[in-house]
Amino acid sequence: YSAVALEEEAMRQIEALGPPRYLVVPGDAHR
């Protein structure tokens, strides 16, 4: 929900939760 590009170590933590299936862009300004 509301993607933020992270450093690779932080991305590994995100990916360890599970494979990303959905990306929610919650509103106009969150692209």
PDB file of all heavy atoms in Angstrom:
ATOM      1  N   TYR A   1       0.860  -1.184   0.000  1.00  0.00           N
ATOM      2  CA  TYR A   1       0.000   0.000   0.000  1.00  0.00           C
ATOM      3  C   TYR A   1       0.894   1.231   0.000  1.00  0.00           C
ATOM      4  O   TYR A   1       1.667   1.436   0.931  1.00  0.00           O
ATOM      5  CB  TYR A   1      -0.890  -0.029   1.248  1.00  0.00           C
ATOM      6  CG  TYR A   1      -1.883   1.101   1.349  1.00  0.00           C
ATOM      7  CD1 TYR A   1      -3.191   0.937   0.919  1.00  0.00           C
ATOM      8  CD2 TYR A   1      -1.516   2.319   1.892  1.00  0.00           C
ATOM      9  CE1 TYR A   1      -4.108   1.959   1.020  1.00  0.00           C
ATOM     10  CE2 TYR A   1      -2.432   3.354   1.996  1.00  0.00           C
ATOM     11  CZ  TYR A   1      -3.727   3.168   1.563  1.00  0.00           C
ATOM     12  OH  TYR A   1      -4.632   4.191   1.668  1.00  0.00           O
ATOM     13  N   SER A   2       0.816   2.020  -1.050  1.00  0.00           N
ATOM     14  CA  SER A   2       1.575   3.273  -1.192  1.00  0.00           C
ATOM     15  C   SER A   2       3.081   3.016  -1.241  1.00  0.00           C
ATOM     16  O   SER A   2       3.826   3.326  -0.310  1.00  0.00           O
ATOM     17  CB  SER A   2       1.216   4.252  -0.072  1.00  0.00           C
ATOM     18  OG  SER A   2       1.636   5.563  -0.421  1.00  0.00           O
ATOM     19  N   ALA A   3       3.530   2.477  -2.358  1.00  0.00           N
ATOM     20  CA  ALA A   3       4.913   2.029  -2.543  1.00  0.00           C
ATOM     21  C   ALA A   3       5.945   3.132  -2.303  1.00  0.00           C
ATOM     22  O   ALA A   3       5.770   4.273  -2.713  1.00  0.00           O
ATOM     23  CB  ALA A   3       5.092   1.495  -3.964  1.00  0.00           C
ATOM     24  N   VAL A   4       7.030   2.719  -1.652  1.00  0.00           N
ATOM     25  CA  VAL A   4       8.194   3.580  -1.417  1.00  0.00           C
ATOM     26  C   VAL A   4       9.428   2.766  -1.804  1.00  0.00           C
ATOM     27  O   VAL A   4       9.622   1.659  -1.292  1.00  0.00           O
ATOM     28  CB  VAL A   4       8.293   4.008   0.066  1.00  0.00           C
ATOM     29  CG1 VAL A   4       9.574   4.772   0.333  1.00  0.00           C
ATOM     30  CG2 VAL A   4       7.075   4.841   0.475  1.00  0.00           C
ATOM     31  N   ALA A   5      10.246   3.282  -2.692  1.00  0.00           N
ATOM     32  CA  ALA A   5      11.501   2.613  -3.055  1.00  0.00           C
ATOM     33  C   ALA A   5      12.424   2.615  -1.841  1.00  0.00           C
ATOM     34  O   ALA A   5      12.668   3.662  -1.242  1.00  0.00           O
ATOM     35  CB  ALA A   5      12.163   3.323  -4.226  1.00  0.00           C
ATOM     36  N   LEU A   6      12.923   1.429  -1.479  1.00  0.00           N
ATOM     37  CA  LEU A   6      13.754   1.274  -0.293  1.00  0.00           C
ATOM     38  C   LEU A   6      15.133   0.757  -0.657  1.00  0.00           C
ATOM     39  O   LEU A   6      15.334   0.188  -1.733  1.00  0.00           O
ATOM     40  CB  LEU A   6      13.103   0.275   0.668  1.00  0.00           C
ATOM     41  CG  LEU A   6      11.660   0.561   1.107  1.00  0.00           C
ATOM     42  CD1 LEU A   6      11.133  -0.598   1.944  1.00  0.00           C
ATOM     43  CD2 LEU A   6      11.570   1.873   1.847  1.00  0.00           C
ATOM     44  N   GLU A   7      16.062   0.905   0.278  1.00  0.00           N
ATOM     45  CA  GLU A   7      17.377   0.280   0.137  1.00  0.00           C
ATOM     46  C   GLU A   7      17.171  -1.234   0.020  1.00  0.00           C
ATOM     47  O   GLU A   7      16.176  -1.777   0.495  1.00  0.00           O
ATOM     48  CB  GLU A   7      18.247   0.586   1.366  1.00  0.00           C
ATOM     49  CG  GLU A   7      18.513   2.064   1.603  1.00  0.00           C
ATOM     50  CD  GLU A   7      19.474   2.669   0.601  1.00  0.00           C
ATOM     51  OE1 GLU A   7      20.182   1.909  -0.108  1.00  0.00           O
ATOM     52  OE2 GLU A   7      19.517   3.906   0.518  1.00  0.00           O
ATOM     53  N   GLU A   8      18.114  -1.942  -0.584  1.00  0.00           N
ATOM     54  CA  GLU A   8      17.949  -3.368  -0.861  1.00  0.00           C
ATOM     55  C   GLU A   8      17.727  -4.206   0.399  1.00  0.00           C
ATOM     56  O   GLU A   8      16.926  -5.141   0.383  1.00  0.00           O
ATOM     57  CB  GLU A   8      19.118  -3.912  -1.681  1.00  0.00           C
ATOM     58  CG  GLU A   8      19.015  -3.574  -3.148  1.00  0.00           C
ATOM     59  CD  GLU A   8      17.692  -4.004  -3.784  1.00  0.00           C
ATOM     60  OE1 GLU A   8      17.250  -5.160  -3.611  1.00  0.00           O
ATOM     61  OE2 GLU A   8      17.081  -3.159  -4.474  1.00  0.00           O
ATOM     62  N   GLU A   9      18.408  -3.907   1.486  1.00  0.00           N
ATOM     63  CA  GLU A   9      18.196  -4.680   2.719  1.00  0.00           C
ATOM     64  C   GLU A   9      16.752  -4.539   3.198  1.00  0.00           C
ATOM     65  O   GLU A   9      16.116  -5.523   3.598  1.00  0.00           O
ATOM     66  CB  GLU A   9      19.167  -4.241   3.825  1.00  0.00           C
ATOM     67  CG  GLU A   9      18.920  -4.913   5.163  1.00  0.00           C
ATOM     68  CD  GLU A   9      18.979  -6.446   5.119  1.00  0.00           C
ATOM     69  OE1 GLU A   9      19.743  -7.012   4.308  1.00  0.00           O
ATOM     70  OE2 GLU A   9      18.245  -7.081   5.911  1.00  0.00           O
ATOM     71  N   ALA A  10      16.201  -3.350   3.135  1.00  0.00           N
ATOM     72  CA  ALA A  10      14.805  -3.131   3.526  1.00  0.00           C
ATOM     73  C   ALA A  10      13.864  -3.834   2.554  1.00  0.00           C
ATOM     74  O   ALA A  10      12.844  -4.403   2.968  1.00  0.00           O
ATOM     75  CB  ALA A  10      14.503  -1.635   3.594  1.00  0.00           C
ATOM     76  N   MET A  11      14.192  -3.845   1.262  1.00  0.00           N
ATOM     77  CA  MET A  11      13.365  -4.552   0.289  1.00  0.00           C
ATOM     78  C   MET A  11      13.362  -6.055   0.587  1.00  0.00           C
ATOM     79  O   MET A  11      12.337  -6.719   0.449  1.00  0.00           O
ATOM     80  CB  MET A  11      13.838  -4.286  -1.142  1.00  0.00           C
ATOM     81  CG  MET A  11      13.540  -2.886  -1.645  1.00  0.00           C
ATOM     82  SD  MET A  11      11.789  -2.415  -1.570  1.00  0.00           S
ATOM     83  CE  MET A  11      11.039  -3.620  -2.658  1.00  0.00           C
ATOM     84  N   ARG A  12      14.491  -6.596   1.016  1.00  0.00           N
ATOM     85  CA  ARG A  12      14.540  -8.017   1.369  1.00  0.00           C
ATOM     86  C   ARG A  12      13.611  -8.311   2.555  1.00  0.00           C
ATOM     87  O   ARG A  12      12.957  -9.354   2.602  1.00  0.00           O
ATOM     88  CB  ARG A  12      15.972  -8.454   1.662  1.00  0.00           C
ATOM     89  CG  ARG A  12      16.798  -8.636   0.391  1.00  0.00           C
ATOM     90  CD  ARG A  12      18.116  -9.333   0.658  1.00  0.00           C
ATOM     91  NE  ARG A  12      19.079  -8.478   1.346  1.00  0.00           N
ATOM     92  CZ  ARG A  12      19.855  -7.575   0.744  1.00  0.00           C
ATOM     93  NH1 ARG A  12      19.791  -7.411  -0.571  1.00  0.00           N
ATOM     94  NH2 ARG A  12      20.704  -6.849   1.435  1.00  0.00           N
ATOM     95  N   GLN A  13      13.529  -7.384   3.496  1.00  0.00           N
ATOM     96  CA  GLN A  13      12.612  -7.553   4.631  1.00  0.00           C
ATOM     97  C   GLN A  13      11.157  -7.561   4.146  1.00  0.00           C
ATOM     98  O   GLN A  13      10.352  -8.379   4.597  1.00  0.00           O
ATOM     99  CB  GLN A  13      12.797  -6.424   5.642  1.00  0.00           C
ATOM    100  CG  GLN A  13      14.098  -6.488   6.407  1.00  0.00           C
ATOM    101  CD  GLN A  13      14.240  -5.291   7.316  1.00  0.00           C
ATOM    102  OE1 GLN A  13      14.779  -4.265   6.919  1.00  0.00           O
ATOM    103  NE2 GLN A  13      13.730  -5.410   8.520  1.00  0.00           N
ATOM    104  N   ILE A  14      10.841  -6.660   3.219  1.00  0.00           N
ATOM    105  CA  ILE A  14       9.489  -6.589   2.661  1.00  0.00           C
ATOM    106  C   ILE A  14       9.187  -7.891   1.911  1.00  0.00           C
ATOM    107  O   ILE A  14       8.119  -8.490   2.075  1.00  0.00           O
ATOM    108  CB  ILE A  14       9.369  -5.369   1.709  1.00  0.00           C
ATOM    109  CG1 ILE A  14       9.544  -4.051   2.460  1.00  0.00           C
ATOM    110  CG2 ILE A  14       8.089  -5.411   0.896  1.00  0.00           C
ATOM    111  CD1 ILE A  14       8.509  -3.740   3.485  1.00  0.00           C
ATOM    112  N   GLU A  15      10.109  -8.338   1.094  1.00  0.00           N
ATOM    113  CA  GLU A  15       9.910  -9.541   0.284  1.00  0.00           C
ATOM    114  C   GLU A  15       9.839 -10.801   1.149  1.00  0.00           C
ATOM    115  O   GLU A  15       9.171 -11.768   0.776  1.00  0.00           O
ATOM    116  CB  GLU A  15      11.016  -9.651  -0.755  1.00  0.00           C
ATOM    117  CG  GLU A  15      10.907  -8.567  -1.814  1.00  0.00           C
ATOM    118  CD  GLU A  15      12.160  -8.357  -2.644  1.00  0.00           C
ATOM    119  OE1 GLU A  15      13.233  -8.907  -2.283  1.00  0.00           O
ATOM    120  OE2 GLU A  15      12.077  -7.634  -3.650  1.00  0.00           O
ATOM    121  N   ALA A  16      10.499 -10.796   2.314  1.00  0.00           N
ATOM    122  CA  ALA A  16      10.461 -11.947   3.207  1.00  0.00           C
ATOM    123  C   ALA A  16       9.057 -12.164   3.785  1.00  0.00           C
ATOM    124  O   ALA A  16       8.707 -13.285   4.182  1.00  0.00           O
ATOM    125  CB  ALA A  16      11.474 -11.778   4.337  1.00  0.00           C
ATOM    126  N   LEU A  17       8.246 -11.120   3.825  1.00  0.00           N
ATOM    127  CA  LEU A  17       6.872 -11.251   4.314  1.00  0.00           C
ATOM    128  C   LEU A  17       6.033 -12.093   3.356  1.00  0.00           C
ATOM    129  O   LEU A  17       5.095 -12.768   3.757  1.00  0.00           O
ATOM    130  CB  LEU A  17       6.248  -9.862   4.503  1.00  0.00           C
ATOM    131  CG  LEU A  17       4.906  -9.794   5.222  1.00  0.00           C
ATOM    132  CD1 LEU A  17       5.033 -10.316   6.661  1.00  0.00           C
ATOM    133  CD2 LEU A  17       4.391  -8.362   5.233  1.00  0.00           C
ATOM    134  N   GLY A  18       6.371 -12.058   2.083  1.00  0.00           N
ATOM    135  CA  GLY A  18       5.653 -12.827   1.070  1.00  0.00           C
ATOM    136  C   GLY A  18       5.797 -12.155  -0.274  1.00  0.00           C
ATOM    137  O   GLY A  18       6.143 -10.976  -0.364  1.00  0.00           O
ATOM    138  N   PRO A  19       5.542 -12.907  -1.361  1.00  0.00           N
ATOM    139  CA  PRO A  19       5.684 -12.305  -2.684  1.00  0.00           C
ATOM    140  C   PRO A  19       4.616 -11.226  -2.924  1.00  0.00           C
ATOM    141  O   PRO A  19       3.437 -11.449  -2.647  1.00  0.00           O
ATOM    142  CB  PRO A  19       5.490 -13.492  -3.636  1.00  0.00           C
ATOM    143  CG  PRO A  19       4.772 -14.524  -2.832  1.00  0.00           C
ATOM    144  CD  PRO A  19       5.144 -14.310  -1.399  1.00  0.00           C
ATOM    145  N   PRO A  20       5.025 -10.066  -3.433  1.00  0.00           N
ATOM    146  CA  PRO A  20       4.067  -8.990  -3.713  1.00  0.00           C
ATOM    147  C   PRO A  20       3.077  -9.400  -4.809  1.00  0.00           C
ATOM    148  O   PRO A  20       3.475  -9.801  -5.897  1.00  0.00           O
ATOM    149  CB  PRO A  20       4.943  -7.832  -4.178  1.00  0.00           C
ATOM    150  CG  PRO A  20       6.299  -8.130  -3.640  1.00  0.00           C
ATOM    151  CD  PRO A  20       6.401  -9.629  -3.659  1.00  0.00           C
ATOM    152  N   ARG A  21       1.789  -9.324  -4.494  1.00  0.00           N
ATOM    153  CA  ARG A  21       0.743  -9.689  -5.452  1.00  0.00           C
ATOM    154  C   ARG A  21      -0.057  -8.479  -5.910  1.00  0.00           C
ATOM    155  O   ARG A  21      -0.488  -8.407  -7.052  1.00  0.00           O
ATOM    156  CB  ARG A  21      -0.179 -10.711  -4.813  1.00  0.00           C
ATOM    157  CG  ARG A  21      -1.234 -11.234  -5.740  1.00  0.00           C
ATOM    158  CD  ARG A  21      -1.916 -12.417  -5.105  1.00  0.00           C
ATOM    159  NE  ARG A  21      -3.110 -12.786  -5.835  1.00  0.00           N
ATOM    160  CZ  ARG A  21      -4.114 -13.443  -5.313  1.00  0.00           C
ATOM    161  NH1 ARG A  21      -4.062 -13.820  -4.050  1.00  0.00           N
ATOM    162  NH2 ARG A  21      -5.161 -13.738  -6.022  1.00  0.00           N
ATOM    163  N   TYR A  22      -0.270  -7.530  -4.991  1.00  0.00           N
ATOM    164  CA  TYR A  22      -1.039  -6.324  -5.297  1.00  0.00           C
ATOM    165  C   TYR A  22      -0.251  -5.096  -4.891  1.00  0.00           C
ATOM    166  O   TYR A  22       0.447  -5.104  -3.882  1.00  0.00           O
ATOM    167  CB  TYR A  22      -2.366  -6.301  -4.530  1.00  0.00           C
ATOM    168  CG  TYR A  22      -3.306  -7.411  -4.884  1.00  0.00           C
ATOM    169  CD1 TYR A  22      -3.381  -8.557  -4.084  1.00  0.00           C
ATOM    170  CD2 TYR A  22      -4.129  -7.330  -6.000  1.00  0.00           C
ATOM    171  CE1 TYR A  22      -4.252  -9.589  -4.400  1.00  0.00           C
ATOM    172  CE2 TYR A  22      -5.000  -8.357  -6.324  1.00  0.00           C
ATOM    173  CZ  TYR A  22      -5.061  -9.484  -5.512  1.00  0.00           C
ATOM    174  OH  TYR A  22      -5.914 -10.496  -5.829  1.00  0.00           O
ATOM    175  N   LEU A  23      -0.399  -4.044  -5.677  1.00  0.00           N
ATOM    176  CA  LEU A  23       0.153  -2.733  -5.343  1.00  0.00           C
ATOM    177  C   LEU A  23      -1.008  -1.749  -5.320  1.00  0.00           C
ATOM    178  O   LEU A  23      -1.640  -1.511  -6.349  1.00  0.00           O
ATOM    179  CB  LEU A  23       1.185  -2.293  -6.375  1.00  0.00           C
ATOM    180  CG  LEU A  23       1.676  -0.849  -6.256  1.00  0.00           C
ATOM    181  CD1 LEU A  23       2.346  -0.611  -4.913  1.00  0.00           C
ATOM    182  CD2 LEU A  23       2.618  -0.517  -7.405  1.00  0.00           C
ATOM    183  N   VAL A  24      -1.291  -1.213  -4.154  1.00  0.00           N
ATOM    184  CA  VAL A  24      -2.351  -0.219  -4.018  1.00  0.00           C
ATOM    185  C   VAL A  24      -1.734   1.162  -4.131  1.00  0.00           C
ATOM    186  O   VAL A  24      -0.853   1.537  -3.355  1.00  0.00           O
ATOM    187  CB  VAL A  24      -3.090  -0.357  -2.672  1.00  0.00           C
ATOM    188  CG1 VAL A  24      -4.110   0.772  -2.505  1.00  0.00           C
ATOM    189  CG2 VAL A  24      -3.764  -1.716  -2.572  1.00  0.00           C
ATOM    190  N   VAL A  25      -2.174   1.908  -5.142  1.00  0.00           N
ATOM    191  CA  VAL A  25      -1.851   3.329  -5.257  1.00  0.00           C
ATOM    192  C   VAL A  25      -3.086   4.024  -4.667  1.00  0.00           C
ATOM    193  O   VAL A  25      -4.106   4.131  -5.339  1.00  0.00           O
ATOM    194  CB  VAL A  25      -1.593   3.742  -6.721  1.00  0.00           C
ATOM    195  CG1 VAL A  25      -1.217   5.211  -6.804  1.00  0.00           C
ATOM    196  CG2 VAL A  25      -0.508   2.865  -7.345  1.00  0.00           C
ATOM    197  N   PRO A  26      -3.011   4.432  -3.393  1.00  0.00           N
ATOM    198  CA  PRO A  26      -4.216   4.819  -2.675  1.00  0.00           C
ATOM    199  C   PRO A  26      -4.913   6.083  -3.164  1.00  0.00           C
ATOM    200  O   PRO A  26      -6.086   6.287  -2.879  1.00  0.00           O
ATOM    201  CB  PRO A  26      -3.750   4.983  -1.236  1.00  0.00           C
ATOM    202  CG  PRO A  26      -2.290   5.211  -1.334  1.00  0.00           C
ATOM    203  CD  PRO A  26      -1.832   4.491  -2.561  1.00  0.00           C
ATOM    204  N   GLY A  27      -4.207   6.912  -3.899  1.00  0.00           N
ATOM    205  CA  GLY A  27      -4.814   8.144  -4.395  1.00  0.00           C
ATOM    206  C   GLY A  27      -3.932   8.796  -5.435  1.00  0.00           C
ATOM    207  O   GLY A  27      -2.817   8.338  -5.719  1.00  0.00           O
ATOM    208  N   ASP A  28      -4.434   9.879  -5.989  1.00  0.00           N
ATOM    209  CA  ASP A  28      -3.768  10.599  -7.089  1.00  0.00           C
ATOM    210  C   ASP A  28      -2.305  10.941  -6.812  1.00  0.00           C
ATOM    211  O   ASP A  28      -1.465  10.881  -7.708  1.00  0.00           O
ATOM    212  CB  ASP A  28      -4.497  11.920  -7.369  1.00  0.00           C
ATOM    213  CG  ASP A  28      -5.968  11.741  -7.627  1.00  0.00           C
ATOM    214  OD1 ASP A  28      -6.717  11.609  -6.640  1.00  0.00           O
ATOM    215  OD2 ASP A  28      -6.362  11.737  -8.800  1.00  0.00           O
ATOM    216  N   ALA A  29      -1.992  11.329  -5.588  1.00  0.00           N
ATOM    217  CA  ALA A  29      -0.663  11.855  -5.271  1.00  0.00           C
ATOM    218  C   ALA A  29       0.342  10.778  -4.861  1.00  0.00           C
ATOM    219  O   ALA A  29       1.457  11.104  -4.492  1.00  0.00           O
ATOM    220  CB  ALA A  29      -0.776  12.896  -4.156  1.00  0.00           C
ATOM    221  N   HIS A  30      -0.024   9.514  -4.940  1.00  0.00           N
ATOM    222  CA  HIS A  30       0.848   8.452  -4.437  1.00  0.00           C
ATOM    223  C   HIS A  30       1.430   7.589  -5.546  1.00  0.00           C
ATOM    224  O   HIS A  30       1.619   6.387  -5.391  1.00  0.00           O
ATOM    225  CB  HIS A  30       0.073   7.613  -3.415  1.00  0.00           C
ATOM    226  CG  HIS A  30      -0.320   8.415  -2.235  1.00  0.00           C
ATOM    227  ND1 HIS A  30       0.466   8.525  -1.122  1.00  0.00           N
ATOM    228  CD2 HIS A  30      -1.390   9.223  -2.032  1.00  0.00           C
ATOM    229  CE1 HIS A  30      -0.114   9.339  -0.272  1.00  0.00           C
ATOM    230  NE2 HIS A  30      -1.244   9.785  -0.798  1.00  0.00           N
ATOM    231  N   ARG A  31       1.756   8.232  -6.668  1.00  0.00           N
ATOM    232  CA  ARG A  31       2.226   7.524  -7.860  1.00  0.00           C
ATOM    233  C   ARG A  31       3.742   7.507  -7.995  1.00  0.00           C
ATOM    234  O   ARG A  31       4.266   6.863  -8.888  1.00  0.00           O
ATOM    235  CB  ARG A  31       1.656   8.216  -9.114  1.00  0.00           C
ATOM    236  CG  ARG A  31       0.162   8.367  -9.096  1.00  0.00           C
ATOM    237  CD  ARG A  31      -0.324   9.306 -10.177  1.00  0.00           C
ATOM    238  NE  ARG A  31       0.149  10.658  -9.907  1.00  0.00           N
ATOM    239  CZ  ARG A  31       0.330  11.591 -10.826  1.00  0.00           C
ATOM    240  NH1 ARG A  31       0.073  11.335 -12.094  1.00  0.00           N
ATOM    241  NH2 ARG A  31       0.742  12.786 -10.495  1.00  0.00           N
TER     242      ARG A  31
END
